[in-house]
């Protein structure tokens, strides 16, 4: 079983490039996309 986790910075940006071909080439059983977003830190 092949599991791939990919942290992307804006899914629209990667889909427009080589993402779809890379996705097919990896031939993963499970493919997780994650996007982390921070609204900033106000401090204490």
C-alpha atoms as a PDB file:
ATOM      1  CA  UNK A   1       0.000   0.000   0.000  1.00  0.00           C
ATOM      2  CA  UNK A   2       1.333   3.412  -0.940  1.00  0.00           C
ATOM      3  CA  UNK A   3       0.289   6.491   1.071  1.00  0.00           C
ATOM      4  CA  UNK A   4       1.341   9.987   0.047  1.00  0.00           C
ATOM      5  CA  UNK A   5       0.773  13.185   2.019  1.00  0.00           C
ATOM      6  CA  UNK A   6       1.458  16.426   0.200  1.00  0.00           C
ATOM      7  CA  UNK A   7       1.447  19.880   1.777  1.00  0.00           C
ATOM      8  CA  UNK A   8       0.391  22.351  -0.887  1.00  0.00           C
ATOM      9  CA  UNK A   9       0.324  26.120  -0.729  1.00  0.00           C
ATOM     10  CA  UNK A  10      -2.803  26.873  -2.734  1.00  0.00           C
ATOM     11  CA  UNK A  11      -4.411  23.959  -4.575  1.00  0.00           C
ATOM     12  CA  UNK A  12      -5.384  26.091  -7.580  1.00  0.00           C
ATOM     13  CA  UNK A  13      -1.734  26.942  -8.188  1.00  0.00           C
ATOM     14  CA  UNK A  14      -0.544  23.327  -8.309  1.00  0.00           C
ATOM     15  CA  UNK A  15      -3.443  21.961 -10.378  1.00  0.00           C
ATOM     16  CA  UNK A  16      -2.641  24.455 -13.121  1.00  0.00           C
ATOM     17  CA  UNK A  17       0.925  23.172 -13.384  1.00  0.00           C
ATOM     18  CA  UNK A  18       2.177  19.581 -13.298  1.00  0.00           C
ATOM     19  CA  UNK A  19       0.157  18.335 -10.328  1.00  0.00           C
ATOM     20  CA  UNK A  20      -2.251  16.125 -12.266  1.00  0.00           C
ATOM     21  CA  UNK A  21       0.553  14.341 -14.126  1.00  0.00           C
ATOM     22  CA  UNK A  22       2.607  13.917 -10.947  1.00  0.00           C
ATOM     23  CA  UNK A  23      -0.479  12.569  -9.187  1.00  0.00           C
ATOM     24  CA  UNK A  24      -0.953   9.931 -11.898  1.00  0.00           C
ATOM     25  CA  UNK A  25       2.755   9.030 -11.942  1.00  0.00           C
ATOM     26  CA  UNK A  26       2.868   8.423  -8.168  1.00  0.00           C
ATOM     27  CA  UNK A  27       0.210   5.698  -8.422  1.00  0.00           C
ATOM     28  CA  UNK A  28      -0.700   5.986  -4.734  1.00  0.00           C
ATOM     29  CA  UNK A  29      -3.431   3.996  -2.999  1.00  0.00           C
ATOM     30  CA  UNK A  30      -4.144   6.892  -0.654  1.00  0.00           C
ATOM     31  CA  UNK A  31      -3.330  10.503  -1.486  1.00  0.00           C
ATOM     32  CA  UNK A  32      -3.771  13.237   1.133  1.00  0.00           C
ATOM     33  CA  UNK A  33      -3.564  16.927   0.316  1.00  0.00           C
ATOM     34  CA  UNK A  34      -3.143  19.368   3.136  1.00  0.00           C
ATOM     35  CA  UNK A  35      -2.999  23.100   3.295  1.00  0.00           C
ATOM     36  CA  UNK A  36      -1.918  24.949   6.396  1.00  0.00           C
ATOM     37  CA  UNK A  37      -2.994  28.531   6.789  1.00  0.00           C
ATOM     38  CA  UNK A  38      -2.195  30.907   9.578  1.00  0.00           C
ATOM     39  CA  UNK A  39      -3.963  34.174  10.252  1.00  0.00           C
ATOM     40  CA  UNK A  40      -0.997  35.493  12.187  1.00  0.00           C
ATOM     41  CA  UNK A  41      -0.034  35.606  15.800  1.00  0.00           C
ATOM     42  CA  UNK A  42      -0.981  38.486  18.059  1.00  0.00           C
ATOM     43  CA  UNK A  43       1.465  37.547  20.820  1.00  0.00           C
ATOM     44  CA  UNK A  44       0.879  37.569  24.556  1.00  0.00           C
END
